[in-house]
Each structure stands twice: as structure tokens, then as C-alpha cells.
N, C-alpha and C. Protein backbone atom coordinates (compact mmCIF):
# COMPACT_ATOMS: atom_id res chain seq x y z
N MET A 1 0.69 -1.28 -0.06
CA MET A 1 -0.23 0.08 -0.12
C MET A 1 1.20 1.37 -0.06
N GLN A 2 1.81 1.36 0.84
CA GLN A 2 2.95 2.55 0.94
C GLN A 2 3.57 2.73 -0.53
N ALA A 3 3.81 1.49 -1.04
CA ALA A 3 4.48 1.60 -2.23
C ALA A 3 3.75 2.33 -3.62
N ALA A 4 2.42 1.90 -3.34
CA ALA A 4 1.43 2.47 -4.26
C ALA A 4 1.49 4.07 -4.30
N ILE A 5 1.34 4.32 -2.84
CA ILE A 5 1.07 5.72 -2.48
C ILE A 5 2.37 6.53 -2.88
N GLN A 6 3.48 5.77 -3.03
CA GLN A 6 4.91 6.60 -3.22
C GLN A 6 4.55 6.82 -4.51
N PHE A 7 4.15 5.30 -5.19
CA PHE A 7 4.21 5.74 -6.62
C PHE A 7 3.57 7.05 -7.44
N PHE A 8 2.30 7.25 -6.76
CA PHE A 8 1.22 8.03 -7.19
C PHE A 8 1.50 9.52 -6.88
N LYS A 9 2.65 9.78 -5.53
CA LYS A 9 3.10 10.97 -4.98
C LYS A 9 4.22 11.51 -5.93
N ASP A 10 4.85 10.26 -6.52
CA ASP A 10 6.26 10.73 -7.37
C ASP A 10 5.42 11.00 -8.86
N ALA A 11 4.68 10.22 -9.03
CA ALA A 11 4.17 10.59 -10.63
C ALA A 11 3.25 12.03 -10.47
N LEU A 12 2.91 12.16 -9.63
CA LEU A 12 2.04 13.45 -9.52
C LEU A 12 2.95 14.73 -9.42
N ARG A 13 3.96 14.30 -8.14
CA ARG A 13 5.02 15.51 -8.46
C ARG A 13 5.46 15.97 -9.81
N GLN A 14 5.81 14.90 -10.36
CA GLN A 14 6.59 15.10 -11.92
C GLN A 14 5.69 15.76 -12.94
N GLU A 15 4.28 15.40 -12.90
CA GLU A 15 3.23 15.94 -14.00
C GLU A 15 3.06 17.55 -13.40
N VAL A 16 2.60 17.64 -12.24
CA VAL A 16 2.61 19.27 -11.52
C VAL A 16 3.82 20.07 -11.90
N LYS A 17 5.13 19.45 -11.63
CA LYS A 17 5.89 20.38 -11.68
C LYS A 17 6.39 20.66 -13.78
N ALA A 18 5.97 19.72 -14.50
CA ALA A 18 6.43 19.77 -15.88
C ALA A 18 5.09 20.88 -16.42
N SER A 19 4.01 20.74 -15.68
CA SER A 19 2.85 21.50 -16.14
C SER A 19 3.43 23.04 -15.71
N ALA A 20 4.08 23.32 -14.42
CA ALA A 20 4.33 24.48 -14.10
C ALA A 20 5.49 25.04 -14.91
N PHE A 21 6.05 24.14 -15.27
CA PHE A 21 7.43 24.50 -16.38
C PHE A 21 7.01 25.13 -17.41
N TYR A 22 5.93 24.31 -18.33
CA TYR A 22 5.32 24.74 -19.11
C TYR A 22 4.72 26.18 -19.23
N ASN A 23 3.89 26.00 -18.34
CA ASN A 23 3.21 27.31 -17.97
C ASN A 23 4.09 28.60 -17.87
N LYS A 24 5.07 28.32 -17.09
CA LYS A 24 5.86 29.31 -16.70
C LYS A 24 6.82 29.56 -18.29
N ALA A 25 6.99 28.68 -18.97
CA ALA A 25 7.98 28.97 -20.70
C ALA A 25 6.79 30.07 -21.25
N ALA A 26 5.44 29.70 -20.96
CA ALA A 26 4.13 30.38 -21.86
C ALA A 26 4.30 31.50 -21.64
N GLU A 27 4.50 31.91 -20.16
CA GLU A 27 4.23 33.20 -19.53
C GLU A 27 5.45 33.99 -20.26
N ILE A 28 6.80 33.38 -20.03
CA ILE A 28 7.63 34.23 -20.54
C ILE A 28 8.13 34.49 -21.90
N THR A 29 7.89 33.49 -22.92
CA THR A 29 8.31 33.58 -24.59
C THR A 29 7.70 34.94 -24.87
N ARG A 30 8.48 35.64 -25.71
CA ARG A 30 7.62 36.65 -26.74
C ARG A 30 7.33 35.91 -27.81
N ASP A 31 7.14 34.74 -28.13
CA ASP A 31 7.07 33.99 -29.29
C ASP A 31 5.66 33.83 -29.27
N ASP A 32 4.92 33.92 -30.08
CA ASP A 32 3.36 33.00 -30.24
C ASP A 32 3.50 31.79 -30.12
N GLU A 33 4.19 31.36 -31.54
CA GLU A 33 4.25 29.63 -31.40
C GLU A 33 4.63 29.15 -30.52
N SER A 34 5.65 29.67 -29.78
CA SER A 34 6.56 28.81 -28.82
C SER A 34 5.63 29.14 -27.56
N ARG A 35 4.56 30.00 -27.37
CA ARG A 35 3.53 29.89 -26.25
C ARG A 35 2.64 29.07 -26.48
N MET A 36 1.90 29.03 -27.67
CA MET A 36 1.11 27.81 -27.98
C MET A 36 1.59 26.33 -27.72
N LEU A 37 2.71 26.30 -28.12
CA LEU A 37 3.63 24.94 -27.63
C LEU A 37 3.15 24.75 -26.38
N TYR A 38 3.92 25.55 -25.66
CA TYR A 38 3.83 25.63 -24.15
C TYR A 38 2.81 25.08 -23.62
N LEU A 39 1.89 26.03 -24.12
CA LEU A 39 0.58 25.73 -23.39
C LEU A 39 0.02 23.89 -23.81
N LYS A 40 0.06 23.97 -24.81
CA LYS A 40 -0.53 22.80 -25.19
C LYS A 40 0.36 21.61 -24.47
N LEU A 41 1.47 21.72 -24.30
CA LEU A 41 2.28 20.44 -22.97
C LEU A 41 1.63 20.63 -21.91
N ALA A 42 1.49 21.98 -21.56
CA ALA A 42 1.18 22.35 -19.94
C ALA A 42 -0.39 21.53 -20.17
N GLY A 43 -0.83 21.73 -20.99
CA GLY A 43 -2.42 20.93 -20.97
C GLY A 43 -2.19 19.70 -21.01
N MET A 44 -1.09 18.95 -21.34
CA MET A 44 -1.13 17.33 -21.80
C MET A 44 -0.73 16.96 -20.28
N GLU A 45 0.15 17.72 -19.75
CA GLU A 45 0.63 17.09 -18.16
C GLU A 45 -0.82 17.29 -17.25
N ASP A 46 -1.71 18.68 -17.30
CA ASP A 46 -2.66 18.58 -16.57
C ASP A 46 -3.26 17.24 -16.91
N GLY A 47 -3.48 17.27 -17.84
CA GLY A 47 -4.41 15.68 -18.23
C GLY A 47 -4.00 14.19 -17.68
N HIS A 48 -2.70 14.28 -17.57
CA HIS A 48 -2.25 13.08 -17.08
C HIS A 48 -2.22 13.18 -15.54
N THR A 49 -2.29 14.62 -14.96
CA THR A 49 -2.60 14.46 -13.54
C THR A 49 -4.05 14.50 -12.83
N ALA A 50 -4.43 14.71 -13.76
CA ALA A 50 -6.16 14.47 -13.93
C ALA A 50 -6.53 12.66 -13.98
N GLN A 51 -5.59 11.72 -15.12
CA GLN A 51 -5.91 10.69 -15.12
C GLN A 51 -5.33 9.92 -13.70
N LEU A 52 -4.19 10.35 -13.30
CA LEU A 52 -3.58 9.92 -12.13
C LEU A 52 -4.49 10.30 -10.87
N LEU A 53 -5.13 11.39 -11.13
CA LEU A 53 -6.09 11.43 -9.63
C LEU A 53 -7.05 10.42 -9.92
N GLU A 54 -7.39 10.25 -10.89
CA GLU A 54 -8.71 9.04 -11.14
C GLU A 54 -8.22 8.03 -10.65
N LYS A 55 -7.06 7.23 -10.77
CA LYS A 55 -6.52 6.25 -10.46
C LYS A 55 -6.13 6.42 -9.11
N VAL A 56 -5.82 7.10 -8.45
CA VAL A 56 -5.95 7.07 -6.96
C VAL A 56 -7.09 6.86 -6.21
N ARG A 57 -8.32 7.68 -6.73
CA ARG A 57 -9.23 7.65 -6.08
C ARG A 57 -10.13 6.37 -6.38
N ASN A 58 -9.73 5.63 -7.57
CA ASN A 58 -10.39 4.09 -7.74
C ASN A 58 -9.48 3.04 -7.10
N ALA A 59 -8.21 3.55 -6.56
CA ALA A 59 -7.21 2.52 -5.77
C ALA A 59 -7.34 2.19 -4.36
N PRO A 60 -7.22 1.00 -4.11
CA PRO A 60 -6.96 0.58 -2.64
C PRO A 60 -6.64 1.66 -1.51
N CYS A 61 -5.47 2.18 -1.76
CA CYS A 61 -4.51 3.13 -1.46
C CYS A 61 -5.43 4.48 -1.31
N GLY A 62 -6.26 4.59 -1.95
CA GLY A 62 -7.05 5.95 -2.23
C GLY A 62 -7.84 6.56 -0.93
N LYS A 63 -8.04 5.32 -0.11
CA LYS A 63 -8.98 5.48 0.98
C LYS A 63 -8.00 6.18 2.22
N SER A 64 -6.74 5.88 2.18
CA SER A 64 -5.72 6.25 3.14
C SER A 64 -4.82 7.55 2.54
N PHE A 65 -5.04 7.97 1.40
CA PHE A 65 -4.35 9.10 1.02
C PHE A 65 -5.25 10.20 0.35
N ASP A 66 -4.89 11.47 0.96
CA ASP A 66 -5.70 12.46 0.60
C ASP A 66 -5.04 13.20 -0.42
N VAL A 67 -5.60 12.61 -1.83
CA VAL A 67 -4.47 13.05 -2.99
C VAL A 67 -4.88 14.47 -3.48
N ASP A 68 -6.16 14.45 -2.98
CA ASP A 68 -6.46 16.35 -3.49
C ASP A 68 -5.64 17.27 -2.51
N ALA A 69 -5.44 16.82 -1.62
CA ALA A 69 -4.65 17.96 -0.44
C ALA A 69 -3.64 18.11 -1.32
N PHE A 70 -2.86 16.65 -1.66
CA PHE A 70 -1.64 16.48 -1.90
C PHE A 70 -1.07 17.56 -3.14
N VAL A 71 -2.03 17.27 -4.20
CA VAL A 71 -2.06 18.28 -5.34
C VAL A 71 -1.95 19.48 -5.05
N ARG A 72 -2.84 20.20 -4.45
CA ARG A 72 -3.31 21.20 -4.16
C ARG A 72 -2.00 21.82 -3.42
N GLU A 73 -1.21 21.11 -2.53
CA GLU A 73 -0.14 21.78 -1.76
C GLU A 73 1.20 21.41 -2.93
N LEU A 74 1.12 20.56 -4.05
CA LEU A 74 2.15 20.63 -5.06
C LEU A 74 1.59 21.65 -5.92
N GLU A 75 0.50 21.93 -6.21
CA GLU A 75 0.75 23.34 -7.30
C GLU A 75 0.73 24.23 -6.67
N ALA A 76 0.59 24.59 -5.21
CA ALA A 76 0.88 25.87 -4.44
C ALA A 76 2.33 26.33 -4.89
N GLY A 77 3.27 25.21 -4.46
CA GLY A 77 4.44 25.72 -4.46
C GLY A 77 5.12 25.00 -5.94
N ALA A 78 4.46 24.80 -6.97
CA ALA A 78 5.14 24.46 -8.10
C ALA A 78 6.11 25.43 -8.97
N ASP A 79 5.95 26.69 -8.64
CA ASP A 79 6.86 27.69 -9.29
C ASP A 79 8.36 27.41 -8.64
N SER A 80 8.26 27.14 -7.44
CA SER A 80 9.79 27.22 -6.79
C SER A 80 10.02 25.41 -7.04
N ALA A 81 9.62 24.62 -7.59
CA ALA A 81 10.01 23.40 -7.79
C ALA A 81 11.01 23.42 -9.26
N ILE A 82 10.79 24.48 -9.72
CA ILE A 82 11.22 25.13 -11.04
C ILE A 82 12.87 25.21 -10.86
N SER A 83 13.89 24.88 -10.91
CA SER A 83 15.56 25.03 -10.74
C SER A 83 15.84 26.49 -10.88
N PRO A 84 16.55 27.15 -10.43
CA PRO A 84 17.39 28.44 -11.23
C PRO A 84 17.66 27.93 -12.71
N GLU A 85 18.68 26.83 -12.82
CA GLU A 85 18.82 26.46 -14.25
C GLU A 85 18.09 26.30 -15.42
N GLU A 86 16.65 25.81 -15.18
CA GLU A 86 15.54 25.68 -15.66
C GLU A 86 15.23 27.01 -16.06
N MET A 87 14.69 27.83 -15.03
CA MET A 87 14.36 29.03 -14.98
C MET A 87 15.24 29.88 -15.79
N ALA A 88 16.43 29.47 -15.83
CA ALA A 88 17.19 30.61 -16.90
C ALA A 88 16.91 30.21 -18.47
N LEU A 89 16.96 28.80 -18.56
CA LEU A 89 16.79 28.21 -19.65
C LEU A 89 15.48 28.68 -20.66
N ILE A 90 14.42 28.79 -19.56
CA ILE A 90 13.06 29.39 -20.04
C ILE A 90 13.10 30.87 -20.15
N GLU A 91 13.89 31.23 -19.56
CA GLU A 91 14.36 32.96 -19.84
C GLU A 91 14.91 33.34 -21.10
N THR A 92 15.95 32.58 -21.50
CA THR A 92 16.50 32.73 -22.45
C THR A 92 17.14 31.89 -23.65
N GLY A 93 16.34 30.77 -23.13
CA GLY A 93 16.87 29.58 -24.45
C GLY A 93 15.77 29.76 -25.20
N SER A 94 16.09 28.63 -26.53
CA SER A 94 15.40 28.92 -27.90
C SER A 94 14.26 27.61 -27.44
N ILE A 95 13.20 27.63 -28.50
CA ILE A 95 12.61 26.63 -28.41
C ILE A 95 13.04 25.20 -28.08
N ARG A 96 14.28 25.20 -29.49
CA ARG A 96 14.97 23.85 -29.38
C ARG A 96 15.41 23.18 -28.05
N GLN A 97 16.07 24.48 -27.14
CA GLN A 97 16.55 24.18 -25.74
C GLN A 97 15.44 23.65 -24.78
N VAL A 98 14.32 24.05 -24.60
CA VAL A 98 13.17 23.86 -24.09
C VAL A 98 12.50 22.62 -24.49
N LEU A 99 12.40 22.29 -25.77
CA LEU A 99 12.13 20.77 -26.16
C LEU A 99 12.97 19.90 -25.69
N GLU A 100 14.07 20.15 -25.64
CA GLU A 100 15.38 19.11 -25.23
C GLU A 100 15.21 18.81 -24.07
N LEU A 101 15.23 19.75 -23.07
CA LEU A 101 14.81 19.83 -21.53
C LEU A 101 13.58 19.29 -21.45
N ALA A 102 12.24 18.87 -22.03
CA ALA A 102 11.18 18.47 -21.92
C ALA A 102 11.56 16.98 -22.25
N ILE A 103 12.38 16.65 -22.99
CA ILE A 103 12.57 15.32 -23.48
C ILE A 103 13.00 14.42 -22.46
N GLN A 104 14.25 15.67 -21.59
CA GLN A 104 14.82 15.09 -20.63
C GLN A 104 14.41 14.60 -19.70
N PHE A 105 13.08 15.36 -19.08
CA PHE A 105 12.07 15.37 -18.17
C PHE A 105 11.23 14.06 -18.77
N GLU A 106 10.79 13.60 -19.90
CA GLU A 106 9.97 12.62 -20.06
C GLU A 106 10.73 11.36 -19.95
N ASN A 107 11.92 11.21 -20.43
CA ASN A 107 13.19 10.11 -20.19
C ASN A 107 13.39 9.83 -18.83
N LYS A 108 13.53 11.20 -18.04
CA LYS A 108 13.44 10.69 -16.40
C LYS A 108 12.57 10.09 -15.99
N SER A 109 11.07 10.44 -16.42
CA SER A 109 9.64 10.17 -15.99
C SER A 109 10.04 8.50 -16.39
N CYS A 110 10.20 8.25 -17.57
CA CYS A 110 10.44 6.35 -17.95
C CYS A 110 11.37 5.64 -17.20
N SER A 111 12.64 6.44 -16.84
CA SER A 111 13.45 5.51 -15.97
C SER A 111 12.42 5.24 -14.56
N ASN A 112 12.19 6.51 -13.97
CA ASN A 112 11.62 6.38 -12.49
C ASN A 112 10.46 5.33 -12.61
N TYR A 113 9.79 5.33 -13.72
CA TYR A 113 8.40 4.27 -13.63
C TYR A 113 8.91 2.91 -13.74
N GLU A 114 10.21 3.05 -15.03
CA GLU A 114 10.65 1.39 -14.85
C GLU A 114 11.59 1.05 -14.05
N ASN A 115 12.05 1.62 -12.77
CA ASN A 115 12.77 1.39 -11.64
C ASN A 115 11.43 0.88 -10.63
N LEU A 116 10.57 1.46 -10.38
CA LEU A 116 9.51 1.48 -9.78
C LEU A 116 9.14 0.09 -9.83
N ALA A 117 8.56 -0.16 -11.19
CA ALA A 117 8.09 -1.32 -11.45
C ALA A 117 9.27 -2.25 -11.08
N ARG A 118 10.57 -2.33 -11.52
CA ARG A 118 11.57 -3.87 -10.90
C ARG A 118 11.41 -3.81 -9.82
N GLU A 119 11.28 -2.97 -8.85
CA GLU A 119 11.23 -2.97 -7.55
C GLU A 119 10.18 -3.08 -6.53
N SER A 120 9.05 -2.66 -7.60
CA SER A 120 7.81 -3.11 -6.72
C SER A 120 7.41 -4.60 -6.83
N THR A 121 6.86 -4.66 -5.32
CA THR A 121 6.19 -6.28 -5.24
C THR A 121 4.87 -6.21 -5.43
N ASP A 122 4.21 -4.98 -5.36
CA ASP A 122 2.82 -4.90 -5.27
C ASP A 122 2.36 -4.91 -6.99
N LEU A 123 1.30 -5.72 -7.71
CA LEU A 123 1.01 -5.79 -8.69
C LEU A 123 0.44 -4.83 -9.51
N ASP A 124 -0.41 -3.89 -8.65
CA ASP A 124 -1.29 -2.69 -9.03
C ASP A 124 -0.08 -1.91 -9.60
N VAL A 125 0.84 -1.70 -8.16
CA VAL A 125 1.73 -0.65 -8.60
C VAL A 125 2.10 -0.95 -10.10
N LYS A 126 2.84 -2.25 -10.24
CA LYS A 126 3.68 -2.60 -11.50
C LYS A 126 2.84 -2.18 -12.75
N ALA A 127 1.54 -2.41 -12.74
CA ALA A 127 0.80 -2.47 -13.62
C ALA A 127 0.49 -0.76 -14.25
N HIS A 128 0.38 -0.11 -12.92
CA HIS A 128 0.61 1.66 -13.09
C HIS A 128 2.10 2.25 -13.64
N CYS A 129 2.59 1.54 -13.17
CA CYS A 129 4.12 1.80 -13.52
C CYS A 129 4.56 1.44 -15.03
N LEU A 130 3.85 0.21 -15.40
CA LEU A 130 4.27 -0.18 -16.87
C LEU A 130 3.20 1.09 -17.77
N ASP A 131 2.28 0.92 -17.17
CA ASP A 131 1.18 2.04 -18.30
C ASP A 131 1.96 3.36 -18.30
N ALA A 132 2.34 3.85 -17.26
CA ALA A 132 2.92 5.32 -16.97
C ALA A 132 4.35 5.11 -18.13
N VAL A 133 5.18 4.34 -17.88
CA VAL A 133 6.32 4.27 -19.10
C VAL A 133 5.81 4.44 -20.16
N LYS A 134 4.69 3.66 -20.90
CA LYS A 134 4.23 3.65 -22.08
C LYS A 134 3.86 4.88 -22.81
N GLU A 135 3.03 5.63 -21.68
CA GLU A 135 2.67 6.87 -21.78
C GLU A 135 4.12 7.90 -22.22
N GLU A 136 4.76 7.64 -21.25
CA GLU A 136 6.20 8.70 -21.18
C GLU A 136 6.64 8.60 -22.34
N ARG A 137 6.95 7.26 -22.95
CA ARG A 137 7.73 7.10 -24.28
C ARG A 137 7.05 7.53 -25.43
N SER A 138 5.73 7.89 -25.53
CA SER A 138 5.04 8.29 -26.59
C SER A 138 5.58 9.39 -26.37
N HIS A 139 5.43 10.34 -25.57
CA HIS A 139 5.50 11.84 -25.29
C HIS A 139 7.09 11.86 -25.49
N VAL A 140 8.04 11.17 -25.52
CA VAL A 140 9.51 11.42 -25.96
C VAL A 140 9.29 11.46 -27.47
N GLN A 141 8.48 10.52 -27.82
CA GLN A 141 8.63 10.10 -29.45
C GLN A 141 7.93 11.60 -30.09
N GLU A 142 6.66 11.99 -29.36
CA GLU A 142 6.14 13.19 -30.15
C GLU A 142 6.94 14.38 -30.21
N LEU A 143 7.78 14.57 -28.81
CA LEU A 143 8.51 15.61 -28.93
C LEU A 143 10.18 15.78 -29.35
N THR A 144 10.45 14.39 -29.95
CA THR A 144 11.65 14.39 -30.70
C THR A 144 11.01 14.56 -31.86
N ASN A 145 9.95 14.08 -32.56
CA ASN A 145 9.31 14.25 -33.92
C ASN A 145 9.17 16.18 -33.79
N LEU A 146 8.53 16.76 -33.02
CA LEU A 146 8.28 18.39 -32.98
C LEU A 146 9.83 18.78 -33.13
N LEU A 147 11.01 18.06 -32.39
CA LEU A 147 12.29 18.85 -32.19
C LEU A 147 13.05 18.62 -33.67
N TYR A 148 12.70 17.48 -34.21
CA TYR A 148 13.28 17.65 -35.59
C TYR A 148 12.59 18.30 -36.55
N SER A 149 11.42 18.85 -36.27
CA SER A 149 10.92 19.67 -37.38
C SER A 149 10.75 20.98 -36.95
N ILE A 150 11.71 21.53 -35.92
CA ILE A 150 11.57 23.02 -36.00
C ILE A 150 11.68 23.70 -37.08
N ASP A 151 12.98 23.05 -38.10
CA ASP A 151 13.47 23.84 -38.94
C ASP A 151 12.45 23.48 -40.11
N MET A 152 11.20 23.29 -40.13
CA MET A 152 10.52 22.75 -41.30
C MET A 152 9.72 24.21 -41.40
N SER A 153 8.84 24.34 -42.53
CA SER A 153 7.70 25.54 -42.17
C SER A 153 6.73 25.16 -41.30
N GLU A 154 5.91 26.26 -40.74
CA GLU A 154 4.97 25.74 -39.78
C GLU A 154 4.16 24.96 -40.54
N ASP A 155 3.87 25.30 -42.18
CA ASP A 155 2.64 24.21 -42.42
C ASP A 155 2.86 22.98 -42.91
N ASP A 156 4.31 22.23 -42.48
CA ASP A 156 4.73 21.27 -42.72
C ASP A 156 4.98 20.32 -41.70
N ARG A 157 5.32 21.21 -40.26
CA ARG A 157 5.53 20.54 -39.34
C ARG A 157 4.40 19.80 -38.68
N PRO A 158 4.74 18.94 -38.52
CA PRO A 158 3.67 17.87 -37.67
C PRO A 158 3.10 18.43 -36.26
N GLY A 159 1.85 17.98 -35.92
CA GLY A 159 1.35 18.78 -34.71
C GLY A 159 1.51 17.82 -33.61
N LEU A 160 1.32 18.05 -32.42
CA LEU A 160 2.08 17.64 -31.27
C LEU A 160 0.35 16.57 -30.58
């Protein structure tokens, strides 16, 4: 039960931080195309948070874990979860650099979920972790495709 709660806490922490990062990037950028991308990425992370919340509420561990209070706390401190280096990249970096950092976030999430799946003896946690790995890998692929398409014309670029 504790392993499941820890999994959900870690996953929610990553999703809320990523959303805060993308929202901050959208707020700071002067480029409208970049802003739209960042807002779309933030929305994607918010959707993952909503999915995780639903999973927690339906999981046996959900009865002993106030997930809504946990997420409110994360969201209240989300901006402070962005490191000074990440903030500098948002402020001065190109869309290419921000996408590269986003890919690093997604790869880190994959690695974290794979490690937790390997270490967990709880079958529900393993299943959640493996689902999360698939989801995060699909994000890595989408972001990588977008990164490769940056130099294309806007009309030729694949959508996220």
C-alpha cells in the first residue's frame, strides 16, 4: 500500500512540475508559436495529473491518501520546483533548448517508472508503472518528432 502511495506521489510531483515549467515558459516567451506549444504541453501534463487523480481515487490506497490535498500543496509550490537553471533556460533559451529539456523530463519519468516497476512487489503498482512508461515513451517520441521538425515551415510541421 505504501509503495502504491509513493508511486502516485512521485508521478503527481513530476506531472505538476512539468505543467508549471511549461506554463512558466508560455508566460515568459515572446514568440506566439512557442507560447502555443508550451500551453499545449502544459495541458497535456494537466491531463496526466487528472488521470492519475482518478486512478488514486479508484485504487485501494486512495482511501488512506488525501490525494486532492497533496495535489493542492504541489500546485501551490510548483513554481519553486523549477530550478534556477531551468528558469534561466526558459528565460533565455530557444524553443529547441526547451524541447530538449522536456525530452529529458520525459526520459527521467520513464526511468523512474521502470525502476519502480522493477522494485515493486505490488502488482497494481507494477501495472500502473508500466502504463506510465508507455505513456511517457509516447511523449518522448512526440517531442522528438517536434524537435526534428523545428526547421520545417509551420505548414509542414507535424502537430503535437
